[in-house]
Amino acid sequence: MRDFLRYMRRKHKKCVQPIVISAHHSTMLISHHQDAARYYLKAYILMQECRLINLCLGNIDAFLYNNLPLADNSQVGFVVIRA
């Protein structure tokens, strides 16, 4: 599944659906919330009026912000501030 999503993201760079599915995959299955935030930001740039993308981006940002004191990686703070 990962290879297929990676292939679809490369082939259709401006298509929001593979980006959002990759973000969901990163969050739900492998718990890479920073990667999910990056994917949601890409989707938001392409489709700012979509309520689902806004909701997902808000949820992941809230999660990262709430867990910021637990992380030693300063990149987490950068992702939250950028959003």
PDB file of N, CA and C in Angstrom:
ATOM      1  N   MET A   1       0.818  -1.196   0.000  1.00  0.00           N
ATOM      2  CA  MET A   1       0.000   0.000   0.000  1.00  0.00           C
ATOM      3  C   MET A   1       0.858   1.255   0.000  1.00  0.00           C
ATOM      4  N   ARG A   2       1.927   1.251   0.782  1.00  0.00           N
ATOM      5  CA  ARG A   2       2.793   2.430   0.839  1.00  0.00           C
ATOM      6  C   ARG A   2       3.406   2.735  -0.529  1.00  0.00           C
ATOM      7  N   ASP A   3       3.843   1.690  -1.204  1.00  0.00           N
ATOM      8  CA  ASP A   3       4.457   1.900  -2.516  1.00  0.00           C
ATOM      9  C   ASP A   3       3.447   2.464  -3.510  1.00  0.00           C
ATOM     10  N   PHE A   4       2.226   1.954  -3.443  1.00  0.00           N
ATOM     11  CA  PHE A   4       1.190   2.452  -4.343  1.00  0.00           C
ATOM     12  C   PHE A   4       0.888   3.924  -4.062  1.00  0.00           C
ATOM     13  N   LEU A   5       0.761   4.284  -2.799  1.00  0.00           N
ATOM     14  CA  LEU A   5       0.501   5.689  -2.457  1.00  0.00           C
ATOM     15  C   LEU A   5       1.668   6.585  -2.868  1.00  0.00           C
ATOM     16  N   ARG A   6       2.861   6.106  -2.651  1.00  0.00           N
ATOM     17  CA  ARG A   6       4.043   6.885  -3.055  1.00  0.00           C
ATOM     18  C   ARG A   6       4.053   7.085  -4.574  1.00  0.00           C
ATOM     19  N   TYR A   7       3.722   6.028  -5.298  1.00  0.00           N
ATOM     20  CA  TYR A   7       3.659   6.114  -6.761  1.00  0.00           C
ATOM     21  C   TYR A   7       2.589   7.116  -7.203  1.00  0.00           C
ATOM     22  N   MET A   8       1.409   7.046  -6.589  1.00  0.00           N
ATOM     23  CA  MET A   8       0.317   7.953  -6.965  1.00  0.00           C
ATOM     24  C   MET A   8       0.646   9.405  -6.621  1.00  0.00           C
ATOM     25  N   ARG A   9       1.321   9.628  -5.492  1.00  0.00           N
ATOM     26  CA  ARG A   9       1.706  11.007  -5.141  1.00  0.00           C
ATOM     27  C   ARG A   9       2.722  11.562  -6.128  1.00  0.00           C
ATOM     28  N   ARG A  10       3.633  10.715  -6.583  1.00  0.00           N
ATOM     29  CA  ARG A  10       4.624  11.176  -7.567  1.00  0.00           C
ATOM     30  C   ARG A  10       3.991  11.413  -8.931  1.00  0.00           C
ATOM     31  N   LYS A  11       3.086  10.537  -9.329  1.00  0.00           N
ATOM     32  CA  LYS A  11       2.465  10.636 -10.648  1.00  0.00           C
ATOM     33  C   LYS A  11       1.491  11.806 -10.725  1.00  0.00           C
ATOM     34  N   HIS A  12       0.698  12.007  -9.684  1.00  0.00           N
ATOM     35  CA  HIS A  12      -0.318  13.062  -9.655  1.00  0.00           C
ATOM     36  C   HIS A  12       0.015  14.030  -8.521  1.00  0.00           C
ATOM     37  N   LYS A  13       0.961  14.913  -8.748  1.00  0.00           N
ATOM     38  CA  LYS A  13       1.458  15.795  -7.695  1.00  0.00           C
ATOM     39  C   LYS A  13       0.428  16.798  -7.205  1.00  0.00           C
ATOM     40  N   LYS A  14      -0.530  17.161  -8.039  1.00  0.00           N
ATOM     41  CA  LYS A  14      -1.537  18.154  -7.648  1.00  0.00           C
ATOM     42  C   LYS A  14      -2.862  17.515  -7.260  1.00  0.00           C
ATOM     43  N   CYS A  15      -2.888  16.208  -7.079  1.00  0.00           N
ATOM     44  CA  CYS A  15      -4.100  15.494  -6.706  1.00  0.00           C
ATOM     45  C   CYS A  15      -4.149  15.368  -5.178  1.00  0.00           C
ATOM     46  N   VAL A  16      -5.221  15.841  -4.581  1.00  0.00           N
ATOM     47  CA  VAL A  16      -5.322  15.906  -3.132  1.00  0.00           C
ATOM     48  C   VAL A  16      -5.585  14.541  -2.495  1.00  0.00           C
ATOM     49  N   GLN A  17      -6.345  13.688  -3.143  1.00  0.00           N
ATOM     50  CA  GLN A  17      -6.749  12.421  -2.527  1.00  0.00           C
ATOM     51  C   GLN A  17      -5.577  11.549  -2.089  1.00  0.00           C
ATOM     52  N   PRO A  18      -4.563  11.295  -2.929  1.00  0.00           N
ATOM     53  CA  PRO A  18      -3.442  10.472  -2.440  1.00  0.00           C
ATOM     54  C   PRO A  18      -2.674  11.130  -1.294  1.00  0.00           C
ATOM     55  N   ILE A  19      -2.643  12.455  -1.284  1.00  0.00           N
ATOM     56  CA  ILE A  19      -1.949  13.164  -0.207  1.00  0.00           C
ATOM     57  C   ILE A  19      -2.684  12.962   1.115  1.00  0.00           C
ATOM     58  N   VAL A  20      -4.005  13.112   1.084  1.00  0.00           N
ATOM     59  CA  VAL A  20      -4.799  12.960   2.302  1.00  0.00           C
ATOM     60  C   VAL A  20      -4.761  11.511   2.790  1.00  0.00           C
ATOM     61  N   ILE A  21      -4.853  10.563   1.895  1.00  0.00           N
ATOM     62  CA  ILE A  21      -4.780   9.155   2.293  1.00  0.00           C
ATOM     63  C   ILE A  21      -3.415   8.841   2.908  1.00  0.00           C
ATOM     64  N   SER A  22      -2.361   9.394   2.343  1.00  0.00           N
ATOM     65  CA  SER A  22      -1.026   9.191   2.920  1.00  0.00           C
ATOM     66  C   SER A  22      -0.936   9.792   4.312  1.00  0.00           C
ATOM     67  N   ALA A  23      -1.558  10.941   4.503  1.00  0.00           N
ATOM     68  CA  ALA A  23      -1.560  11.575   5.824  1.00  0.00           C
ATOM     69  C   ALA A  23      -2.325  10.716   6.825  1.00  0.00           C
ATOM     70  N   HIS A  24      -3.489  10.220   6.435  1.00  0.00           N
ATOM     71  CA  HIS A  24      -4.251   9.334   7.319  1.00  0.00           C
ATOM     72  C   HIS A  24      -3.433   8.083   7.646  1.00  0.00           C
ATOM     73  N   HIS A  25      -2.783   7.538   6.644  1.00  0.00           N
ATOM     74  CA  HIS A  25      -1.950   6.344   6.837  1.00  0.00           C
ATOM     75  C   HIS A  25      -0.831   6.644   7.839  1.00  0.00           C
ATOM     76  N   SER A  26      -0.192   7.792   7.684  1.00  0.00           N
ATOM     77  CA  SER A  26       0.903   8.159   8.591  1.00  0.00           C
ATOM     78  C   SER A  26       0.410   8.319  10.020  1.00  0.00           C
ATOM     79  N   THR A  27      -0.780   8.873  10.185  1.00  0.00           N
ATOM     80  CA  THR A  27      -1.304   9.106  11.527  1.00  0.00           C
ATOM     81  C   THR A  27      -1.822   7.832  12.169  1.00  0.00           C
ATOM     82  N   MET A  28      -2.669   7.123  11.462  1.00  0.00           N
ATOM     83  CA  MET A  28      -3.384   6.009  12.066  1.00  0.00           C
ATOM     84  C   MET A  28      -2.556   4.727  12.177  1.00  0.00           C
ATOM     85  N   LEU A  29      -1.792   4.411  11.165  1.00  0.00           N
ATOM     86  CA  LEU A  29      -1.133   3.109  11.140  1.00  0.00           C
ATOM     87  C   LEU A  29       0.286   3.124  11.684  1.00  0.00           C
ATOM     88  N   ILE A  30       1.030   4.169  11.368  1.00  0.00           N
ATOM     89  CA  ILE A  30       2.434   4.136  11.762  1.00  0.00           C
ATOM     90  C   ILE A  30       2.816   5.246  12.739  1.00  0.00           C
ATOM     91  N   SER A  31       1.863   6.070  13.144  1.00  0.00           N
ATOM     92  CA  SER A  31       2.049   7.112  14.174  1.00  0.00           C
ATOM     93  C   SER A  31       3.189   8.075  13.859  1.00  0.00           C
ATOM     94  N   HIS A  32       3.294   8.483  12.628  1.00  0.00           N
ATOM     95  CA  HIS A  32       4.245   9.528  12.243  1.00  0.00           C
ATOM     96  C   HIS A  32       3.465  10.819  12.044  1.00  0.00           C
ATOM     97  N   HIS A  33       3.208  11.491  13.144  1.00  0.00           N
ATOM     98  CA  HIS A  33       2.339  12.659  13.117  1.00  0.00           C
ATOM     99  C   HIS A  33       2.979  13.853  12.420  1.00  0.00           C
ATOM    100  N   GLN A  34       4.291  13.961  12.467  1.00  0.00           N
ATOM    101  CA  GLN A  34       4.972  15.047  11.752  1.00  0.00           C
ATOM    102  C   GLN A  34       4.807  14.874  10.245  1.00  0.00           C
ATOM    103  N   ASP A  35       4.943  13.645   9.761  1.00  0.00           N
ATOM    104  CA  ASP A  35       4.738  13.396   8.333  1.00  0.00           C
ATOM    105  C   ASP A  35       3.302  13.691   7.940  1.00  0.00           C
ATOM    106  N   ALA A  36       2.365  13.299   8.797  1.00  0.00           N
ATOM    107  CA  ALA A  36       0.954  13.564   8.517  1.00  0.00           C
ATOM    108  C   ALA A  36       0.696  15.063   8.435  1.00  0.00           C
ATOM    109  N   ALA A  37       1.282  15.832   9.338  1.00  0.00           N
ATOM    110  CA  ALA A  37       1.101  17.288   9.300  1.00  0.00           C
ATOM    111  C   ALA A  37       1.653  17.861   8.001  1.00  0.00           C
ATOM    112  N   ARG A  38       2.783  17.351   7.562  1.00  0.00           N
ATOM    113  CA  ARG A  38       3.364  17.830   6.306  1.00  0.00           C
ATOM    114  C   ARG A  38       2.447  17.517   5.123  1.00  0.00           C
ATOM    115  N   TYR A  39       1.885  16.309   5.093  1.00  0.00           N
ATOM    116  CA  TYR A  39       0.967  15.942   4.014  1.00  0.00           C
ATOM    117  C   TYR A  39      -0.304  16.778   4.056  1.00  0.00           C
ATOM    118  N   TYR A  40      -0.848  16.986   5.261  1.00  0.00           N
ATOM    119  CA  TYR A  40      -2.058  17.808   5.365  1.00  0.00           C
ATOM    120  C   TYR A  40      -1.795  19.242   4.921  1.00  0.00           C
ATOM    121  N   LEU A  41      -0.611  19.764   5.227  1.00  0.00           N
ATOM    122  CA  LEU A  41      -0.272  21.118   4.766  1.00  0.00           C
ATOM    123  C   LEU A  41      -0.197  21.183   3.241  1.00  0.00           C
ATOM    124  N   LYS A  42       0.363  20.162   2.624  1.00  0.00           N
ATOM    125  CA  LYS A  42       0.397  20.114   1.157  1.00  0.00           C
ATOM    126  C   LYS A  42      -1.013  20.082   0.586  1.00  0.00           C
ATOM    127  N   ALA A  43      -1.875  19.260   1.186  1.00  0.00           N
ATOM    128  CA  ALA A  43      -3.259  19.173   0.725  1.00  0.00           C
ATOM    129  C   ALA A  43      -3.979  20.499   0.940  1.00  0.00           C
ATOM    130  N   TYR A  44      -3.710  21.158   2.055  1.00  0.00           N
ATOM    131  CA  TYR A  44      -4.346  22.440   2.338  1.00  0.00           C
ATOM    132  C   TYR A  44      -3.932  23.501   1.324  1.00  0.00           C
ATOM    133  N   ILE A  45      -2.682  23.488   0.936  1.00  0.00           N
ATOM    134  CA  ILE A  45      -2.208  24.448  -0.064  1.00  0.00           C
ATOM    135  C   ILE A  45      -2.930  24.246  -1.385  1.00  0.00           C
ATOM    136  N   LEU A  46      -3.184  22.999  -1.738  1.00  0.00           N
ATOM    137  CA  LEU A  46      -3.860  22.705  -2.999  1.00  0.00           C
ATOM    138  C   LEU A  46      -5.368  22.943  -2.938  1.00  0.00           C
ATOM    139  N   MET A  47      -5.973  22.757  -1.762  1.00  0.00           N
ATOM    140  CA  MET A  47      -7.430  22.807  -1.657  1.00  0.00           C
ATOM    141  C   MET A  47      -7.829  23.429  -0.316  1.00  0.00           C
ATOM    142  N   GLN A  48      -7.721  24.733  -0.217  1.00  0.00           N
ATOM    143  CA  GLN A  48      -7.915  25.421   1.056  1.00  0.00           C
ATOM    144  C   GLN A  48      -9.362  25.445   1.533  1.00  0.00           C
ATOM    145  N   GLU A  49     -10.306  25.315   0.631  1.00  0.00           N
ATOM    146  CA  GLU A  49     -11.711  25.420   1.029  1.00  0.00           C
ATOM    147  C   GLU A  49     -12.317  24.106   1.504  1.00  0.00           C
ATOM    148  N   CYS A  50     -11.569  23.023   1.455  1.00  0.00           N
ATOM    149  CA  CYS A  50     -12.092  21.711   1.858  1.00  0.00           C
ATOM    150  C   CYS A  50     -12.163  21.613   3.385  1.00  0.00           C
ATOM    151  N   ARG A  51     -13.350  21.392   3.902  1.00  0.00           N
ATOM    152  CA  ARG A  51     -13.544  21.328   5.353  1.00  0.00           C
ATOM    153  C   ARG A  51     -12.875  20.110   5.973  1.00  0.00           C
ATOM    154  N   LEU A  52     -12.853  19.004   5.251  1.00  0.00           N
ATOM    155  CA  LEU A  52     -12.214  17.801   5.781  1.00  0.00           C
ATOM    156  C   LEU A  52     -10.716  18.022   5.994  1.00  0.00           C
ATOM    157  N   ILE A  53     -10.074  18.642   5.039  1.00  0.00           N
ATOM    158  CA  ILE A  53      -8.639  18.915   5.168  1.00  0.00           C
ATOM    159  C   ILE A  53      -8.393  19.893   6.311  1.00  0.00           C
ATOM    160  N   ASN A  54      -9.234  20.911   6.441  1.00  0.00           N
ATOM    161  CA  ASN A  54      -9.091  21.862   7.550  1.00  0.00           C
ATOM    162  C   ASN A  54      -9.248  21.165   8.897  1.00  0.00           C
ATOM    163  N   LEU A  55     -10.217  20.268   8.990  1.00  0.00           N
ATOM    164  CA  LEU A  55     -10.440  19.530  10.232  1.00  0.00           C
ATOM    165  C   LEU A  55      -9.248  18.630  10.565  1.00  0.00           C
ATOM    166  N   CYS A  56      -8.771  17.906   9.580  1.00  0.00           N
ATOM    167  CA  CYS A  56      -7.628  17.006   9.799  1.00  0.00           C
ATOM    168  C   CYS A  56      -6.385  17.787  10.196  1.00  0.00           C
ATOM    169  N   LEU A  57      -6.139  18.891   9.524  1.00  0.00           N
ATOM    170  CA  LEU A  57      -4.973  19.713   9.830  1.00  0.00           C
ATOM    171  C   LEU A  57      -5.087  20.299  11.233  1.00  0.00           C
ATOM    172  N   GLY A  58      -6.275  20.740  11.601  1.00  0.00           N
ATOM    173  CA  GLY A  58      -6.482  21.262  12.949  1.00  0.00           C
ATOM    174  C   GLY A  58      -6.269  20.208  14.013  1.00  0.00           C
ATOM    175  N   ASN A  59      -6.752  19.002  13.766  1.00  0.00           N
ATOM    176  CA  ASN A  59      -6.588  17.923  14.741  1.00  0.00           C
ATOM    177  C   ASN A  59      -5.126  17.533  14.908  1.00  0.00           C
ATOM    178  N   ILE A  60      -4.417  17.414  13.815  1.00  0.00           N
ATOM    179  CA  ILE A  60      -3.011  17.005  13.922  1.00  0.00           C
ATOM    180  C   ILE A  60      -2.172  18.109  14.555  1.00  0.00           C
ATOM    181  N   ASP A  61      -2.496  19.362  14.256  1.00  0.00           N
ATOM    182  CA  ASP A  61      -1.770  20.469  14.883  1.00  0.00           C
ATOM    183  C   ASP A  61      -2.031  20.524  16.385  1.00  0.00           C
ATOM    184  N   ALA A  62      -3.287  20.287  16.778  1.00  0.00           N
ATOM    185  CA  ALA A  62      -3.608  20.262  18.205  1.00  0.00           C
ATOM    186  C   ALA A  62      -2.872  19.123  18.900  1.00  0.00           C
ATOM    187  N   PHE A  63      -2.817  17.974  18.259  1.00  0.00           N
ATOM    188  CA  PHE A  63      -2.098  16.843  18.832  1.00  0.00           C
ATOM    189  C   PHE A  63      -0.619  17.171  19.003  1.00  0.00           C
ATOM    190  N   LEU A  64      -0.012  17.726  17.973  1.00  0.00           N
ATOM    191  CA  LEU A  64       1.411  18.049  18.061  1.00  0.00           C
ATOM    192  C   LEU A  64       1.662  19.135  19.102  1.00  0.00           C
ATOM    193  N   TYR A  65       0.775  20.124  19.170  1.00  0.00           N
ATOM    194  CA  TYR A  65       0.950  21.196  20.142  1.00  0.00           C
ATOM    195  C   TYR A  65       0.836  20.665  21.571  1.00  0.00           C
ATOM    196  N   ASN A  66      -0.124  19.777  21.806  1.00  0.00           N
ATOM    197  CA  ASN A  66      -0.307  19.218  23.149  1.00  0.00           C
ATOM    198  C   ASN A  66       0.865  18.339  23.555  1.00  0.00           C
ATOM    199  N   ASN A  67       1.527  17.709  22.597  1.00  0.00           N
ATOM    200  CA  ASN A  67       2.644  16.820  22.905  1.00  0.00           C
ATOM    201  C   ASN A  67       4.003  17.471  22.694  1.00  0.00           C
ATOM    202  N   LEU A  68       4.012  18.760  22.446  1.00  0.00           N
ATOM    203  CA  LEU A  68       5.267  19.476  22.217  1.00  0.00           C
ATOM    204  C   LEU A  68       6.228  19.375  23.402  1.00  0.00           C
ATOM    205  N   PRO A  69       5.769  19.512  24.654  1.00  0.00           N
ATOM    206  CA  PRO A  69       6.720  19.390  25.768  1.00  0.00           C
ATOM    207  C   PRO A  69       7.343  18.003  25.890  1.00  0.00           C
ATOM    208  N   LEU A  70       6.697  16.985  25.348  1.00  0.00           N
ATOM    209  CA  LEU A  70       7.218  15.621  25.440  1.00  0.00           C
ATOM    210  C   LEU A  70       8.298  15.343  24.413  1.00  0.00           C
ATOM    211  N   ALA A  71       8.378  16.164  23.374  1.00  0.00           N
ATOM    212  CA  ALA A  71       9.310  15.899  22.275  1.00  0.00           C
ATOM    213  C   ALA A  71      10.594  16.699  22.451  1.00  0.00           C
ATOM    214  N   ASP A  72      11.696  16.038  22.208  1.00  0.00           N
ATOM    215  CA  ASP A  72      12.985  16.726  22.232  1.00  0.00           C
ATOM    216  C   ASP A  72      13.330  17.304  20.874  1.00  0.00           C
ATOM    217  N   ASN A  73      12.577  16.908  19.852  1.00  0.00           N
ATOM    218  CA  ASN A  73      12.880  17.311  18.488  1.00  0.00           C
ATOM    219  C   ASN A  73      12.277  18.685  18.227  1.00  0.00           C
ATOM    220  N   SER A  74      13.096  19.662  17.893  1.00  0.00           N
ATOM    221  CA  SER A  74      12.595  21.003  17.661  1.00  0.00           C
ATOM    222  C   SER A  74      11.793  21.120  16.373  1.00  0.00           C
ATOM    223  N   GLN A  75      11.880  20.097  15.535  1.00  0.00           N
ATOM    224  CA  GLN A  75      11.117  20.117  14.271  1.00  0.00           C
ATOM    225  C   GLN A  75       9.620  20.061  14.532  1.00  0.00           C
ATOM    226  N   VAL A  76       9.195  19.434  15.608  1.00  0.00           N
ATOM    227  CA  VAL A  76       7.777  19.368  15.934  1.00  0.00           C
ATOM    228  C   VAL A  76       7.239  20.764  16.132  1.00  0.00           C
ATOM    229  N   GLY A  77       7.953  21.585  16.858  1.00  0.00           N
ATOM    230  CA  GLY A  77       7.533  22.969  17.069  1.00  0.00           C
ATOM    231  C   GLY A  77       7.499  23.746  15.780  1.00  0.00           C
ATOM    232  N   PHE A  78       8.425  23.492  14.897  1.00  0.00           N
ATOM    233  CA  PHE A  78       8.451  24.182  13.616  1.00  0.00           C
ATOM    234  C   PHE A  78       7.219  23.844  12.785  1.00  0.00           C
ATOM    235  N   VAL A  79       6.809  22.576  12.783  1.00  0.00           N
ATOM    236  CA  VAL A  79       5.625  22.155  12.023  1.00  0.00           C
ATOM    237  C   VAL A  79       4.378  22.835  12.581  1.00  0.00           C
ATOM    238  N   VAL A  80       4.250  22.883  13.899  1.00  0.00           N
ATOM    239  CA  VAL A  80       3.082  23.497  14.515  1.00  0.00           C
ATOM    240  C   VAL A  80       3.052  24.989  14.245  1.00  0.00           C
ATOM    241  N   ILE A  81       4.172  25.654  14.360  1.00  0.00           N
ATOM    242  CA  ILE A  81       4.224  27.099  14.143  1.00  0.00           C
ATOM    243  C   ILE A  81       3.940  27.413  12.680  1.00  0.00           C
ATOM    244  N   ARG A  82       4.435  26.605  11.757  1.00  0.00           N
ATOM    245  CA  ARG A  82       4.213  26.841  10.333  1.00  0.00           C
ATOM    246  C   ARG A  82       2.751  26.730   9.956  1.00  0.00           C
ATOM    247  N   ALA A  83       2.044  25.848  10.626  1.00  0.00           N
ATOM    248  CA  ALA A  83       0.618  25.652  10.309  1.00  0.00           C
ATOM    249  C   ALA A  83      -0.147  26.854  10.773  1.00  0.00           C
TER     250      ALA A  83
END
